[in-house]
PDB file of N, CA and C in Angstrom:
ATOM      1  N   UNK A   1      -0.276  67.359 -58.174  1.00  0.00           N
ATOM      2  CA  UNK A   1      -0.631  67.827 -59.489  1.00  0.00           C
ATOM      3  C   UNK A   1      -2.133  68.125 -59.515  1.00  0.00           C
ATOM      4  N   UNK A   2      -2.488  69.286 -59.982  1.00  0.00           N
ATOM      5  CA  UNK A   2      -3.898  69.651 -60.038  1.00  0.00           C
ATOM      6  C   UNK A   2      -4.536  69.093 -61.307  1.00  0.00           C
ATOM      7  N   UNK A   3      -5.829  68.781 -61.223  1.00  0.00           N
ATOM      8  CA  UNK A   3      -6.499  68.246 -62.411  1.00  0.00           C
ATOM      9  C   UNK A   3      -6.591  69.317 -63.495  1.00  0.00           C
ATOM     10  N   UNK A   4      -6.637  68.863 -64.724  1.00  0.00           N
ATOM     11  CA  UNK A   4      -6.761  69.790 -65.846  1.00  0.00           C
ATOM     12  C   UNK A   4      -8.151  70.419 -65.792  1.00  0.00           C
ATOM     13  N   UNK A   5      -8.205  71.732 -65.911  1.00  0.00           N
ATOM     14  CA  UNK A   5      -9.492  72.412 -65.904  1.00  0.00           C
ATOM     15  C   UNK A   5     -10.142  72.253 -67.271  1.00  0.00           C
ATOM     16  N   UNK A   6     -11.392  71.907 -67.254  1.00  0.00           N
ATOM     17  CA  UNK A   6     -12.142  71.721 -68.484  1.00  0.00           C
ATOM     18  C   UNK A   6     -13.077  72.901 -68.692  1.00  0.00           C
ATOM     19  N   UNK A   7     -13.403  73.150 -69.930  1.00  0.00           N
ATOM     20  CA  UNK A   7     -14.326  74.222 -70.233  1.00  0.00           C
ATOM     21  C   UNK A   7     -15.753  73.797 -69.902  1.00  0.00           C
ATOM     22  N   UNK A   8     -16.554  74.785 -69.627  1.00  0.00           N
ATOM     23  CA  UNK A   8     -17.958  74.619 -69.254  1.00  0.00           C
ATOM     24  C   UNK A   8     -18.703  73.724 -70.245  1.00  0.00           C
ATOM     25  N   UNK A   9     -18.506  73.950 -71.528  1.00  0.00           N
ATOM     26  CA  UNK A   9     -19.252  73.229 -72.561  1.00  0.00           C
ATOM     27  C   UNK A   9     -18.968  71.724 -72.540  1.00  0.00           C
ATOM     28  N   UNK A  10     -17.767  71.328 -72.127  1.00  0.00           N
ATOM     29  CA  UNK A  10     -17.432  69.905 -72.114  1.00  0.00           C
ATOM     30  C   UNK A  10     -18.280  69.137 -71.097  1.00  0.00           C
ATOM     31  N   UNK A  11     -18.601  69.758 -69.982  1.00  0.00           N
ATOM     32  CA  UNK A  11     -19.461  69.093 -68.992  1.00  0.00           C
ATOM     33  C   UNK A  11     -20.869  68.914 -69.544  1.00  0.00           C
ATOM     34  N   UNK A  12     -21.353  69.899 -70.273  1.00  0.00           N
ATOM     35  CA  UNK A  12     -22.667  69.782 -70.894  1.00  0.00           C
ATOM     36  C   UNK A  12     -22.667  68.674 -71.947  1.00  0.00           C
ATOM     37  N   UNK A  13     -21.591  68.579 -72.700  1.00  0.00           N
ATOM     38  CA  UNK A  13     -21.469  67.514 -73.702  1.00  0.00           C
ATOM     39  C   UNK A  13     -21.421  66.136 -73.041  1.00  0.00           C
ATOM     40  N   UNK A  14     -20.731  66.016 -71.910  1.00  0.00           N
ATOM     41  CA  UNK A  14     -20.694  64.745 -71.173  1.00  0.00           C
ATOM     42  C   UNK A  14     -22.101  64.327 -70.752  1.00  0.00           C
ATOM     43  N   UNK A  15     -22.871  65.290 -70.244  1.00  0.00           N
ATOM     44  CA  UNK A  15     -24.234  64.983 -69.809  1.00  0.00           C
ATOM     45  C   UNK A  15     -25.097  64.546 -70.989  1.00  0.00           C
ATOM     46  N   UNK A  16     -25.012  65.252 -72.093  1.00  0.00           N
ATOM     47  CA  UNK A  16     -25.803  64.916 -73.271  1.00  0.00           C
ATOM     48  C   UNK A  16     -25.416  63.539 -73.816  1.00  0.00           C
ATOM     49  N   UNK A  17     -24.130  63.250 -73.867  1.00  0.00           N
ATOM     50  CA  UNK A  17     -23.674  61.950 -74.346  1.00  0.00           C
ATOM     51  C   UNK A  17     -24.196  60.821 -73.449  1.00  0.00           C
ATOM     52  N   UNK A  18     -24.167  61.026 -72.153  1.00  0.00           N
ATOM     53  CA  UNK A  18     -24.661  60.000 -71.232  1.00  0.00           C
ATOM     54  C   UNK A  18     -26.162  59.805 -71.380  1.00  0.00           C
ATOM     55  N   UNK A  19     -26.902  60.883 -71.566  1.00  0.00           N
ATOM     56  CA  UNK A  19     -28.349  60.758 -71.776  1.00  0.00           C
ATOM     57  C   UNK A  19     -28.651  60.010 -73.073  1.00  0.00           C
ATOM     58  N   UNK A  20     -27.894  60.293 -74.120  1.00  0.00           N
ATOM     59  CA  UNK A  20     -28.075  59.580 -75.387  1.00  0.00           C
ATOM     60  C   UNK A  20     -27.787  58.093 -75.231  1.00  0.00           C
ATOM     61  N   UNK A  21     -26.736  57.775 -74.478  1.00  0.00           N
ATOM     62  CA  UNK A  21     -26.399  56.365 -74.270  1.00  0.00           C
ATOM     63  C   UNK A  21     -27.487  55.641 -73.492  1.00  0.00           C
ATOM     64  N   UNK A  22     -28.001  56.281 -72.456  1.00  0.00           N
ATOM     65  CA  UNK A  22     -29.086  55.669 -71.676  1.00  0.00           C
ATOM     66  C   UNK A  22     -30.276  55.387 -72.581  1.00  0.00           C
ATOM     67  N   UNK A  23     -30.640  56.359 -73.389  1.00  0.00           N
ATOM     68  CA  UNK A  23     -31.760  56.180 -74.309  1.00  0.00           C
ATOM     69  C   UNK A  23     -31.494  55.017 -75.279  1.00  0.00           C
ATOM     70  N   UNK A  24     -30.276  54.929 -75.789  1.00  0.00           N
ATOM     71  CA  UNK A  24     -29.920  53.847 -76.709  1.00  0.00           C
ATOM     72  C   UNK A  24     -29.992  52.487 -76.015  1.00  0.00           C
ATOM     73  N   UNK A  25     -29.462  52.392 -74.803  1.00  0.00           N
ATOM     74  CA  UNK A  25     -29.466  51.122 -74.076  1.00  0.00           C
ATOM     75  C   UNK A  25     -30.881  50.638 -73.779  1.00  0.00           C
ATOM     76  N   UNK A  26     -31.797  51.558 -73.564  1.00  0.00           N
ATOM     77  CA  UNK A  26     -33.165  51.195 -73.194  1.00  0.00           C
ATOM     78  C   UNK A  26     -34.110  51.066 -74.383  1.00  0.00           C
ATOM     79  N   UNK A  27     -33.652  51.395 -75.569  1.00  0.00           N
ATOM     80  CA  UNK A  27     -34.551  51.516 -76.714  1.00  0.00           C
ATOM     81  C   UNK A  27     -35.334  50.247 -77.042  1.00  0.00           C
ATOM     82  N   UNK A  28     -34.755  49.084 -76.849  1.00  0.00           N
ATOM     83  CA  UNK A  28     -35.450  47.843 -77.224  1.00  0.00           C
ATOM     84  C   UNK A  28     -35.753  46.935 -76.036  1.00  0.00           C
ATOM     85  N   UNK A  29     -35.793  47.507 -74.850  1.00  0.00           N
ATOM     86  CA  UNK A  29     -36.012  46.687 -73.660  1.00  0.00           C
ATOM     87  C   UNK A  29     -37.297  47.074 -72.940  1.00  0.00           C
ATOM     88  N   UNK A  30     -38.056  46.072 -72.537  1.00  0.00           N
ATOM     89  CA  UNK A  30     -39.138  46.358 -71.598  1.00  0.00           C
ATOM     90  C   UNK A  30     -38.549  46.247 -70.190  1.00  0.00           C
ATOM     91  N   UNK A  31     -39.338  46.588 -69.176  1.00  0.00           N
ATOM     92  CA  UNK A  31     -38.796  46.648 -67.815  1.00  0.00           C
ATOM     93  C   UNK A  31     -38.313  45.289 -67.330  1.00  0.00           C
ATOM     94  N   UNK A  32     -39.049  44.233 -67.647  1.00  0.00           N
ATOM     95  CA  UNK A  32     -38.670  42.896 -67.195  1.00  0.00           C
ATOM     96  C   UNK A  32     -37.312  42.494 -67.786  1.00  0.00           C
ATOM     97  N   UNK A  33     -37.139  42.717 -69.073  1.00  0.00           N
ATOM     98  CA  UNK A  33     -35.874  42.388 -69.729  1.00  0.00           C
ATOM     99  C   UNK A  33     -34.748  43.275 -69.197  1.00  0.00           C
ATOM    100  N   UNK A  34     -35.058  44.530 -68.957  1.00  0.00           N
ATOM    101  CA  UNK A  34     -34.072  45.462 -68.390  1.00  0.00           C
ATOM    102  C   UNK A  34     -33.546  44.950 -67.052  1.00  0.00           C
ATOM    103  N   UNK A  35     -34.446  44.546 -66.157  1.00  0.00           N
ATOM    104  CA  UNK A  35     -34.036  44.064 -64.834  1.00  0.00           C
ATOM    105  C   UNK A  35     -33.150  42.827 -64.916  1.00  0.00           C
ATOM    106  N   UNK A  36     -33.338  42.029 -65.941  1.00  0.00           N
ATOM    107  CA  UNK A  36     -32.589  40.780 -66.072  1.00  0.00           C
ATOM    108  C   UNK A  36     -31.235  40.956 -66.768  1.00  0.00           C
ATOM    109  N   UNK A  37     -30.999  42.113 -67.328  1.00  0.00           N
ATOM    110  CA  UNK A  37     -29.773  42.350 -68.092  1.00  0.00           C
ATOM    111  C   UNK A  37     -28.839  43.228 -67.266  1.00  0.00           C
ATOM    112  N   UNK A  38     -28.002  42.593 -66.455  1.00  0.00           N
ATOM    113  CA  UNK A  38     -27.159  43.312 -65.511  1.00  0.00           C
ATOM    114  C   UNK A  38     -26.151  44.240 -66.172  1.00  0.00           C
ATOM    115  N   UNK A  39     -25.649  43.867 -67.331  1.00  0.00           N
ATOM    116  CA  UNK A  39     -24.708  44.748 -68.019  1.00  0.00           C
ATOM    117  C   UNK A  39     -25.365  46.080 -68.376  1.00  0.00           C
ATOM    118  N   UNK A  40     -26.601  46.017 -68.836  1.00  0.00           N
ATOM    119  CA  UNK A  40     -27.322  47.244 -69.193  1.00  0.00           C
ATOM    120  C   UNK A  40     -27.634  48.052 -67.939  1.00  0.00           C
ATOM    121  N   UNK A  41     -28.062  47.393 -66.885  1.00  0.00           N
ATOM    122  CA  UNK A  41     -28.341  48.082 -65.623  1.00  0.00           C
ATOM    123  C   UNK A  41     -27.084  48.801 -65.133  1.00  0.00           C
ATOM    124  N   UNK A  42     -25.960  48.100 -65.128  1.00  0.00           N
ATOM    125  CA  UNK A  42     -24.711  48.711 -64.680  1.00  0.00           C
ATOM    126  C   UNK A  42     -24.289  49.874 -65.574  1.00  0.00           C
ATOM    127  N   UNK A  43     -24.465  49.712 -66.884  1.00  0.00           N
ATOM    128  CA  UNK A  43     -24.095  50.782 -67.820  1.00  0.00           C
ATOM    129  C   UNK A  43     -24.967  52.020 -67.598  1.00  0.00           C
ATOM    130  N   UNK A  44     -26.229  51.814 -67.354  1.00  0.00           N
ATOM    131  CA  UNK A  44     -27.133  52.945 -67.123  1.00  0.00           C
ATOM    132  C   UNK A  44     -26.800  53.636 -65.811  1.00  0.00           C
ATOM    133  N   UNK A  45     -26.551  52.858 -64.774  1.00  0.00           N
ATOM    134  CA  UNK A  45     -26.168  53.450 -63.489  1.00  0.00           C
ATOM    135  C   UNK A  45     -24.891  54.270 -63.655  1.00  0.00           C
ATOM    136  N   UNK A  46     -23.918  53.743 -64.381  1.00  0.00           N
ATOM    137  CA  UNK A  46     -22.666  54.482 -64.594  1.00  0.00           C
ATOM    138  C   UNK A  46     -22.914  55.783 -65.345  1.00  0.00           C
ATOM    139  N   UNK A  47     -23.788  55.762 -66.321  1.00  0.00           N
ATOM    140  CA  UNK A  47     -24.080  56.989 -67.063  1.00  0.00           C
ATOM    141  C   UNK A  47     -24.810  58.008 -66.200  1.00  0.00           C
ATOM    142  N   UNK A  48     -25.658  57.564 -65.285  1.00  0.00           N
ATOM    143  CA  UNK A  48     -26.272  58.504 -64.336  1.00  0.00           C
ATOM    144  C   UNK A  48     -25.203  59.101 -63.412  1.00  0.00           C
ATOM    145  N   UNK A  49     -24.216  58.296 -63.025  1.00  0.00           N
ATOM    146  CA  UNK A  49     -23.106  58.821 -62.218  1.00  0.00           C
ATOM    147  C   UNK A  49     -22.342  59.894 -62.986  1.00  0.00           C
ATOM    148  N   UNK A  50     -22.082  59.635 -64.259  1.00  0.00           N
ATOM    149  CA  UNK A  50     -21.381  60.617 -65.096  1.00  0.00           C
ATOM    150  C   UNK A  50     -22.174  61.909 -65.183  1.00  0.00           C
ATOM    151  N   UNK A  51     -23.489  61.798 -65.352  1.00  0.00           N
ATOM    152  CA  UNK A  51     -24.338  62.989 -65.404  1.00  0.00           C
ATOM    153  C   UNK A  51     -24.234  63.766 -64.099  1.00  0.00           C
ATOM    154  N   UNK A  52     -24.297  63.077 -62.978  1.00  0.00           N
ATOM    155  CA  UNK A  52     -24.202  63.738 -61.676  1.00  0.00           C
ATOM    156  C   UNK A  52     -22.856  64.411 -61.454  1.00  0.00           C
ATOM    157  N   UNK A  53     -21.783  63.711 -61.811  1.00  0.00           N
ATOM    158  CA  UNK A  53     -20.447  64.287 -61.649  1.00  0.00           C
ATOM    159  C   UNK A  53     -20.262  65.500 -62.558  1.00  0.00           C
ATOM    160  N   UNK A  54     -20.712  65.371 -63.795  1.00  0.00           N
ATOM    161  CA  UNK A  54     -20.579  66.486 -64.744  1.00  0.00           C
ATOM    162  C   UNK A  54     -21.421  67.670 -64.287  1.00  0.00           C
ATOM    163  N   UNK A  55     -22.579  67.400 -63.743  1.00  0.00           N
ATOM    164  CA  UNK A  55     -23.445  68.487 -63.254  1.00  0.00           C
ATOM    165  C   UNK A  55     -22.775  69.222 -62.099  1.00  0.00           C
ATOM    166  N   UNK A  56     -22.160  68.491 -61.193  1.00  0.00           N
ATOM    167  CA  UNK A  56     -21.469  69.135 -60.066  1.00  0.00           C
ATOM    168  C   UNK A  56     -20.335  70.014 -60.558  1.00  0.00           C
ATOM    169  N   UNK A  57     -19.542  69.495 -61.471  1.00  0.00           N
ATOM    170  CA  UNK A  57     -18.422  70.267 -62.006  1.00  0.00           C
ATOM    171  C   UNK A  57     -18.918  71.439 -62.850  1.00  0.00           C
ATOM    172  N   UNK A  58     -19.953  71.199 -63.637  1.00  0.00           N
ATOM    173  CA  UNK A  58     -20.524  72.270 -64.473  1.00  0.00           C
ATOM    174  C   UNK A  58     -21.036  73.397 -63.594  1.00  0.00           C
ATOM    175  N   UNK A  59     -21.661  73.049 -62.493  1.00  0.00           N
ATOM    176  CA  UNK A  59     -22.181  74.063 -61.568  1.00  0.00           C
ATOM    177  C   UNK A  59     -21.043  74.878 -60.967  1.00  0.00           C
ATOM    178  N   UNK A  60     -19.952  74.198 -60.576  1.00  0.00           N
ATOM    179  CA  UNK A  60     -18.795  74.881 -60.000  1.00  0.00           C
ATOM    180  C   UNK A  60     -18.138  75.790 -61.036  1.00  0.00           C
ATOM    181  N   UNK A  61     -17.897  75.267 -62.220  1.00  0.00           N
ATOM    182  CA  UNK A  61     -17.257  76.052 -63.275  1.00  0.00           C
ATOM    183  C   UNK A  61     -18.159  77.208 -63.687  1.00  0.00           C
ATOM    184  N   UNK A  62     -19.453  76.944 -63.790  1.00  0.00           N
ATOM    185  CA  UNK A  62     -20.395  77.993 -64.153  1.00  0.00           C
ATOM    186  C   UNK A  62     -20.403  79.123 -63.132  1.00  0.00           C
ATOM    187  N   UNK A  63     -20.299  78.761 -61.861  1.00  0.00           N
ATOM    188  CA  UNK A  63     -20.255  79.769 -60.799  1.00  0.00           C
ATOM    189  C   UNK A  63     -19.000  80.631 -60.929  1.00  0.00           C
ATOM    190  N   UNK A  64     -17.861  79.975 -61.226  1.00  0.00           N
ATOM    191  CA  UNK A  64     -16.615  80.723 -61.423  1.00  0.00           C
ATOM    192  C   UNK A  64     -16.737  81.672 -62.613  1.00  0.00           C
ATOM    193  N   UNK A  65     -17.333  81.197 -63.697  1.00  0.00           N
ATOM    194  CA  UNK A  65     -17.502  82.037 -64.892  1.00  0.00           C
ATOM    195  C   UNK A  65     -18.393  83.236 -64.589  1.00  0.00           C
ATOM    196  N   UNK A  66     -19.503  82.983 -63.905  1.00  0.00           N
ATOM    197  CA  UNK A  66     -20.414  84.083 -63.583  1.00  0.00           C
ATOM    198  C   UNK A  66     -19.746  85.109 -62.688  1.00  0.00           C
ATOM    199  N   UNK A  67     -18.970  84.653 -61.696  1.00  0.00           N
ATOM    200  CA  UNK A  67     -18.328  85.600 -60.786  1.00  0.00           C
ATOM    201  C   UNK A  67     -17.216  86.381 -61.493  1.00  0.00           C
ATOM    202  N   UNK A  68     -16.581  85.759 -62.459  1.00  0.00           N
ATOM    203  CA  UNK A  68     -15.493  86.416 -63.168  1.00  0.00           C
ATOM    204  C   UNK A  68     -15.997  87.417 -64.208  1.00  0.00           C
ATOM    205  N   UNK A  69     -17.064  87.055 -64.927  1.00  0.00           N
ATOM    206  CA  UNK A  69     -17.473  87.880 -66.055  1.00  0.00           C
ATOM    207  C   UNK A  69     -18.832  88.564 -65.885  1.00  0.00           C
ATOM    208  N   UNK A  70     -19.445  88.405 -64.763  1.00  0.00           N
ATOM    209  CA  UNK A  70     -20.748  89.019 -64.569  1.00  0.00           C
ATOM    210  C   UNK A  70     -20.620  90.534 -64.469  1.00  0.00           C
ATOM    211  N   UNK A  71     -21.480  91.259 -65.173  1.00  0.00           N
ATOM    212  CA  UNK A  71     -21.428  92.728 -65.089  1.00  0.00           C
ATOM    213  C   UNK A  71     -21.971  93.252 -63.752  1.00  0.00           C
ATOM    214  N   UNK A  72     -22.526  92.345 -62.926  1.00  0.00           N
ATOM    215  CA  UNK A  72     -23.142  92.756 -61.669  1.00  0.00           C
ATOM    216  C   UNK A  72     -22.227  92.622 -60.472  1.00  0.00           C
ATOM    217  N   UNK A  73     -20.971  92.276 -60.678  1.00  0.00           N
ATOM    218  CA  UNK A  73     -20.015  92.153 -59.554  1.00  0.00           C
ATOM    219  C   UNK A  73     -19.518  93.500 -59.110  1.00  0.00           C
TER     220      UNK A  73
END
């Protein structure tokens, strides 16, 4: 079974949501407190992973869109 294809905009929304979450998680922490709070560290790392995965997919989908609809093909 092939994965469901998502629209380009959804990957951008995933990235924005993850960036907002990272900002929220860090809003009241200094670096020392951040290092000591493993749940926050893990949550931030996971959100960076989501950003990276969404960026890879967004790049692939964007390339398909450009090749399909570009007037320069």
